[in-house]
PDB file of all heavy atoms in Angstrom:
ATOM      1  N   LEU A   1       0.799  -1.223   0.007  1.00  0.00           N
ATOM      2  CA  LEU A   1      -0.014  -0.009  -0.008  1.00  0.00           C
ATOM      3  C   LEU A   1       0.880   1.251   0.006  1.00  0.00           C
ATOM      4  O   LEU A   1       0.542   2.198  -0.689  1.00  0.00           O
ATOM      5  CB  LEU A   1      -0.968  -0.003   1.197  1.00  0.00           C
ATOM      6  CG  LEU A   1      -2.077  -1.058   1.211  1.00  0.00           C
ATOM      7  CD1 LEU A   1      -2.834  -0.961   2.488  1.00  0.00           C
ATOM      8  CD2 LEU A   1      -2.961  -0.852  -0.007  1.00  0.00           C
ATOM      9  N   LEU A   2       1.957   1.249   0.784  1.00  0.00           N
ATOM     10  CA  LEU A   2       2.820   2.392   0.794  1.00  0.00           C
ATOM     11  C   LEU A   2       3.448   2.659  -0.541  1.00  0.00           C
ATOM     12  O   LEU A   2       3.655   3.838  -0.911  1.00  0.00           O
ATOM     13  CB  LEU A   2       3.908   2.212   1.839  1.00  0.00           C
ATOM     14  CG  LEU A   2       3.500   2.378   3.310  1.00  0.00           C
ATOM     15  CD1 LEU A   2       4.581   1.900   4.248  1.00  0.00           C
ATOM     16  CD2 LEU A   2       3.157   3.859   3.597  1.00  0.00           C
ATOM     17  N   ARG A   3       3.778   1.600  -1.279  1.00  0.00           N
ATOM     18  CA  ARG A   3       4.386   1.753  -2.613  1.00  0.00           C
ATOM     19  C   ARG A   3       3.353   2.136  -3.627  1.00  0.00           C
ATOM     20  O   ARG A   3       3.610   2.916  -4.528  1.00  0.00           O
ATOM     21  CB  ARG A   3       5.106   0.414  -2.983  1.00  0.00           C
ATOM     22  CG  ARG A   3       5.859   0.532  -4.246  1.00  0.00           C
ATOM     23  CD  ARG A   3       7.122   1.454  -4.016  1.00  0.00           C
ATOM     24  NE  ARG A   3       7.980   1.386  -5.087  1.00  0.00           N
ATOM     25  CZ  ARG A   3       8.205   2.436  -5.901  1.00  0.00           C
ATOM     26  NH1 ARG A   3       7.639   3.580  -5.707  1.00  0.00           N
ATOM     27  NH2 ARG A   3       9.050   2.319  -6.911  1.00  0.00           N
ATOM     28  N   ALA A   4       2.190   1.515  -3.539  1.00  0.00           N
ATOM     29  CA  ALA A   4       1.138   1.755  -4.548  1.00  0.00           C
ATOM     30  C   ALA A   4       0.520   3.156  -4.429  1.00  0.00           C
ATOM     31  O   ALA A   4       0.215   3.769  -5.469  1.00  0.00           O
ATOM     32  CB  ALA A   4       0.042   0.675  -4.402  1.00  0.00           C
ATOM     33  N   ALA A   5       0.346   3.584  -3.236  1.00  0.00           N
ATOM     34  CA  ALA A   5      -0.333   4.876  -2.991  1.00  0.00           C
ATOM     35  C   ALA A   5       0.340   5.637  -1.820  1.00  0.00           C
ATOM     36  O   ALA A   5      -0.172   5.633  -0.733  1.00  0.00           O
ATOM     37  CB  ALA A   5      -1.822   4.651  -2.669  1.00  0.00           C
ATOM     38  N   PRO A   6       1.529   6.215  -2.084  1.00  0.00           N
ATOM     39  CA  PRO A   6       2.227   6.939  -1.014  1.00  0.00           C
ATOM     40  C   PRO A   6       1.287   7.967  -0.361  1.00  0.00           C
ATOM     41  O   PRO A   6       0.491   8.620  -1.041  1.00  0.00           O
ATOM     42  CB  PRO A   6       3.369   7.634  -1.705  1.00  0.00           C
ATOM     43  CG  PRO A   6       3.595   6.824  -2.957  1.00  0.00           C
ATOM     44  CD  PRO A   6       2.238   6.303  -3.349  1.00  0.00           C
ATOM     45  N   GLY A   7       1.342   8.030   0.955  1.00  0.00           N
ATOM     46  CA  GLY A   7       0.489   8.962   1.683  1.00  0.00           C
ATOM     47  C   GLY A   7      -0.795   8.350   2.132  1.00  0.00           C
ATOM     48  O   GLY A   7      -1.587   8.967   2.892  1.00  0.00           O
ATOM     49  N   ILE A   8      -1.112   7.115   1.667  1.00  0.00           N
ATOM     50  CA  ILE A   8      -2.345   6.465   2.115  1.00  0.00           C
ATOM     51  C   ILE A   8      -2.325   6.115   3.577  1.00  0.00           C
ATOM     52  O   ILE A   8      -1.261   5.821   4.104  1.00  0.00           O
ATOM     53  CB  ILE A   8      -2.625   5.225   1.243  1.00  0.00           C
ATOM     54  CG1 ILE A   8      -4.056   4.717   1.459  1.00  0.00           C
ATOM     55  CG2 ILE A   8      -1.636   4.105   1.567  1.00  0.00           C
ATOM     56  CD1 ILE A   8      -4.486   3.643   0.451  1.00  0.00           C
ATOM     57  N   ALA A   9      -3.464   6.172   4.203  1.00  0.00           N
ATOM     58  CA  ALA A   9      -3.520   5.777   5.602  1.00  0.00           C
ATOM     59  C   ALA A   9      -3.415   4.220   5.718  1.00  0.00           C
ATOM     60  O   ALA A   9      -4.138   3.557   5.045  1.00  0.00           O
ATOM     61  CB  ALA A   9      -4.836   6.233   6.254  1.00  0.00           C
ATOM     62  N   LEU A  10      -2.497   3.756   6.523  1.00  0.00           N
ATOM     63  CA  LEU A  10      -2.315   2.336   6.670  1.00  0.00           C
ATOM     64  C   LEU A  10      -3.413   1.737   7.549  1.00  0.00           C
ATOM     65  O   LEU A  10      -3.999   2.434   8.388  1.00  0.00           O
ATOM     66  CB  LEU A  10      -0.957   2.031   7.267  1.00  0.00           C
ATOM     67  CG  LEU A  10       0.245   2.283   6.404  1.00  0.00           C
ATOM     68  CD1 LEU A  10       1.520   2.005   7.190  1.00  0.00           C
ATOM     69  CD2 LEU A  10       0.207   1.433   5.160  1.00  0.00           C
ATOM     70  N   PRO A  11      -3.670   0.445   7.358  1.00  0.00           N
ATOM     71  CA  PRO A  11      -4.675  -0.197   8.231  1.00  0.00           C
ATOM     72  C   PRO A  11      -4.247  -0.082   9.693  1.00  0.00           C
ATOM     73  O   PRO A  11      -3.078  -0.046  10.011  1.00  0.00           O
ATOM     74  CB  PRO A  11      -4.622  -1.689   7.765  1.00  0.00           C
ATOM     75  CG  PRO A  11      -4.048  -1.617   6.388  1.00  0.00           C
ATOM     76  CD  PRO A  11      -3.170  -0.464   6.362  1.00  0.00           C
ATOM     77  N   GLU A  12      -5.232  -0.123  10.578  1.00  0.00           N
ATOM     78  CA  GLU A  12      -4.975  -0.043  12.010  1.00  0.00           C
ATOM     79  C   GLU A  12      -4.032  -1.114  12.403  1.00  0.00           C
ATOM     80  O   GLU A  12      -4.117  -2.298  11.938  1.00  0.00           O
ATOM     81  CB  GLU A  12      -6.304  -0.187  12.776  1.00  0.00           C
ATOM     82  CG  GLU A  12      -6.153   0.112  14.242  1.00  0.00           C
ATOM     83  CD  GLU A  12      -7.504   0.090  14.946  1.00  0.00           C
ATOM     84  OE1 GLU A  12      -8.509   0.372  14.326  1.00  0.00           O
ATOM     85  OE2 GLU A  12      -7.475  -0.221  16.143  1.00  0.00           O
ATOM     86  N   GLY A  13      -3.127  -0.829  13.271  1.00  0.00           N
ATOM     87  CA  GLY A  13      -2.122  -1.764  13.748  1.00  0.00           C
ATOM     88  C   GLY A  13      -0.825  -1.691  13.029  1.00  0.00           C
ATOM     89  O   GLY A  13       0.189  -2.214  13.487  1.00  0.00           O
ATOM     90  N   LEU A  14      -0.807  -1.023  11.869  1.00  0.00           N
ATOM     91  CA  LEU A  14       0.447  -0.849  11.130  1.00  0.00           C
ATOM     92  C   LEU A  14       1.028   0.561  11.277  1.00  0.00           C
ATOM     93  O   LEU A  14       2.230   0.696  11.145  1.00  0.00           O
ATOM     94  CB  LEU A  14       0.240  -1.177   9.633  1.00  0.00           C
ATOM     95  CG  LEU A  14       0.088  -2.632   9.299  1.00  0.00           C
ATOM     96  CD1 LEU A  14      -0.142  -2.805   7.790  1.00  0.00           C
ATOM     97  CD2 LEU A  14       1.234  -3.452   9.758  1.00  0.00           C
ATOM     98  N   ALA A  15       0.190   1.490  11.389  1.00  0.00           N
ATOM     99  CA  ALA A  15       0.652   2.878  11.538  1.00  0.00           C
ATOM    100  C   ALA A  15       1.356   3.016  12.894  1.00  0.00           C
ATOM    101  O   ALA A  15       1.043   2.338  13.818  1.00  0.00           O
ATOM    102  CB  ALA A  15      -0.504   3.875  11.436  1.00  0.00           C
ATOM    103  N   GLY A  16       2.300   3.911  12.951  1.00  0.00           N
ATOM    104  CA  GLY A  16       2.969   4.125  14.238  1.00  0.00           C
ATOM    105  C   GLY A  16       4.442   4.431  14.055  1.00  0.00           C
ATOM    106  O   GLY A  16       4.908   4.890  13.048  1.00  0.00           O
ATOM    107  N   ALA A  17       5.162   4.047  15.063  1.00  0.00           N
ATOM    108  CA  ALA A  17       6.596   4.384  15.159  1.00  0.00           C
ATOM    109  C   ALA A  17       7.426   3.817  14.011  1.00  0.00           C
ATOM    110  O   ALA A  17       8.414   4.341  13.666  1.00  0.00           O
ATOM    111  CB  ALA A  17       7.151   4.006  16.500  1.00  0.00           C
ATOM    112  N   ASP A  18       7.006   2.667  13.471  1.00  0.00           N
ATOM    113  CA  ASP A  18       7.818   2.017  12.431  1.00  0.00           C
ATOM    114  C   ASP A  18       7.440   2.450  11.030  1.00  0.00           C
ATOM    115  O   ASP A  18       7.905   1.884  10.042  1.00  0.00           O
ATOM    116  CB  ASP A  18       7.734   0.476  12.573  1.00  0.00           C
ATOM    117  CG  ASP A  18       6.304  -0.021  12.460  1.00  0.00           C
ATOM    118  OD1 ASP A  18       5.379   0.772  12.548  1.00  0.00           O
ATOM    119  OD2 ASP A  18       6.146  -1.252  12.325  1.00  0.00           O
ATOM    120  N   LEU A  19       6.627   3.477  10.883  1.00  0.00           N
ATOM    121  CA  LEU A  19       6.152   3.942   9.577  1.00  0.00           C
ATOM    122  C   LEU A  19       7.327   4.391   8.682  1.00  0.00           C
ATOM    123  O   LEU A  19       7.366   4.094   7.488  1.00  0.00           O
ATOM    124  CB  LEU A  19       5.138   5.091   9.740  1.00  0.00           C
ATOM    125  CG  LEU A  19       4.500   5.579   8.433  1.00  0.00           C
ATOM    126  CD1 LEU A  19       3.778   4.448   7.721  1.00  0.00           C
ATOM    127  CD2 LEU A  19       3.526   6.725   8.736  1.00  0.00           C
ATOM    128  N   GLY A  20       8.311   5.081   9.284  1.00  0.00           N
ATOM    129  CA  GLY A  20       9.476   5.504   8.521  1.00  0.00           C
ATOM    130  C   GLY A  20      10.236   4.319   7.955  1.00  0.00           C
ATOM    131  O   GLY A  20      10.651   4.331   6.799  1.00  0.00           O
ATOM    132  N   ALA A  21      10.449   3.290   8.777  1.00  0.00           N
ATOM    133  CA  ALA A  21      11.171   2.077   8.343  1.00  0.00           C
ATOM    134  C   ALA A  21      10.367   1.375   7.258  1.00  0.00           C
ATOM    135  O   ALA A  21      10.912   0.896   6.261  1.00  0.00           O
ATOM    136  CB  ALA A  21      11.424   1.173   9.474  1.00  0.00           C
ATOM    137  N   MET A  22       9.061   1.264   7.441  1.00  0.00           N
ATOM    138  CA  MET A  22       8.217   0.642   6.410  1.00  0.00           C
ATOM    139  C   MET A  22       8.291   1.387   5.088  1.00  0.00           C
ATOM    140  O   MET A  22       8.396   0.771   4.059  1.00  0.00           O
ATOM    141  CB  MET A  22       6.768   0.553   6.898  1.00  0.00           C
ATOM    142  CG  MET A  22       6.483  -0.470   7.941  1.00  0.00           C
ATOM    143  SD  MET A  22       4.722  -0.540   8.387  1.00  0.00           S
ATOM    144  CE  MET A  22       4.005  -1.282   6.883  1.00  0.00           C
ATOM    145  N   SER A  23       8.216   2.723   5.199  1.00  0.00           N
ATOM    146  CA  SER A  23       8.254   3.522   3.952  1.00  0.00           C
ATOM    147  C   SER A  23       9.567   3.327   3.222  1.00  0.00           C
ATOM    148  O   SER A  23       9.628   3.173   2.004  1.00  0.00           O
ATOM    149  CB  SER A  23       8.028   4.970   4.245  1.00  0.00           C
ATOM    150  OG  SER A  23       6.751   5.215   4.757  1.00  0.00           O
ATOM    151  N   ALA A  24      10.683   3.326   3.962  1.00  0.00           N
ATOM    152  CA  ALA A  24      12.004   3.165   3.363  1.00  0.00           C
ATOM    153  C   ALA A  24      12.099   1.781   2.693  1.00  0.00           C
ATOM    154  O   ALA A  24      12.622   1.708   1.577  1.00  0.00           O
ATOM    155  CB  ALA A  24      13.070   3.292   4.424  1.00  0.00           C
ATOM    156  N   LEU A  25      11.609   0.786   3.310  1.00  0.00           N
ATOM    157  CA  LEU A  25      11.656  -0.584   2.722  1.00  0.00           C
ATOM    158  C   LEU A  25      10.736  -0.669   1.464  1.00  0.00           C
ATOM    159  O   LEU A  25      11.142  -1.194   0.466  1.00  0.00           O
ATOM    160  CB  LEU A  25      11.220  -1.668   3.709  1.00  0.00           C
ATOM    161  CG  LEU A  25      11.293  -3.108   3.276  1.00  0.00           C
ATOM    162  CD1 LEU A  25      12.706  -3.485   2.864  1.00  0.00           C
ATOM    163  CD2 LEU A  25      10.847  -4.031   4.416  1.00  0.00           C
ATOM    164  N   ALA A  26       9.574  -0.045   1.561  1.00  0.00           N
ATOM    165  CA  ALA A  26       8.655  -0.107   0.445  1.00  0.00           C
ATOM    166  C   ALA A  26       9.140   0.697  -0.754  1.00  0.00           C
ATOM    167  O   ALA A  26       9.081   0.249  -1.899  1.00  0.00           O
ATOM    168  CB  ALA A  26       7.271   0.408   0.882  1.00  0.00           C
ATOM    169  N   LEU A  27       9.638   1.882  -0.495  1.00  0.00           N
ATOM    170  CA  LEU A  27      10.120   2.728  -1.587  1.00  0.00           C
ATOM    171  C   LEU A  27      11.406   2.260  -2.183  1.00  0.00           C
ATOM    172  O   LEU A  27      11.752   2.635  -3.289  1.00  0.00           O
ATOM    173  CB  LEU A  27      10.229   4.148  -1.108  1.00  0.00           C
ATOM    174  CG  LEU A  27       8.859   4.773  -0.677  1.00  0.00           C
ATOM    175  CD1 LEU A  27       9.064   6.195  -0.127  1.00  0.00           C
ATOM    176  CD2 LEU A  27       7.893   4.812  -1.829  1.00  0.00           C
ATOM    177  N   GLY A  28      12.125   1.361  -1.503  1.00  0.00           N
ATOM    178  CA  GLY A  28      13.354   0.811  -2.025  1.00  0.00           C
ATOM    179  C   GLY A  28      13.119  -0.398  -2.946  1.00  0.00           C
ATOM    180  O   GLY A  28      14.044  -0.958  -3.448  1.00  0.00           O
ATOM    181  N   ARG A  29      11.864  -0.753  -3.118  1.00  0.00           N
ATOM    182  CA  ARG A  29      11.483  -1.876  -3.957  1.00  0.00           C
ATOM    183  C   ARG A  29      10.501  -1.447  -5.016  1.00  0.00           C
ATOM    184  O   ARG A  29       9.756  -0.519  -4.862  1.00  0.00           O
ATOM    185  CB  ARG A  29      10.836  -3.014  -3.096  1.00  0.00           C
ATOM    186  CG  ARG A  29      11.739  -3.518  -2.022  1.00  0.00           C
ATOM    187  CD  ARG A  29      12.888  -4.257  -2.637  1.00  0.00           C
ATOM    188  NE  ARG A  29      13.882  -4.531  -1.581  1.00  0.00           N
ATOM    189  CZ  ARG A  29      15.060  -4.963  -1.845  1.00  0.00           C
ATOM    190  NH1 ARG A  29      15.411  -5.277  -3.121  1.00  0.00           N
ATOM    191  NH2 ARG A  29      15.915  -5.199  -0.907  1.00  0.00           N
ATOM    192  N   SER A  30      10.440  -2.234  -6.084  1.00  0.00           N
ATOM    193  CA  SER A  30       9.441  -1.915  -7.109  1.00  0.00           C
ATOM    194  C   SER A  30       8.059  -2.328  -6.680  1.00  0.00           C
ATOM    195  O   SER A  30       7.911  -3.234  -5.855  1.00  0.00           O
ATOM    196  CB  SER A  30       9.795  -2.588  -8.443  1.00  0.00           C
ATOM    197  OG  SER A  30       9.572  -3.971  -8.361  1.00  0.00           O
TER     198      SER A  30
END
């Protein structure tokens, strides 16, 4: 979802302190 639609609200339970790390991993992949 982060890769498909940057800025989209993540499902509950995923948003939070690790959002930066998730974004970096997602944006580093196709």
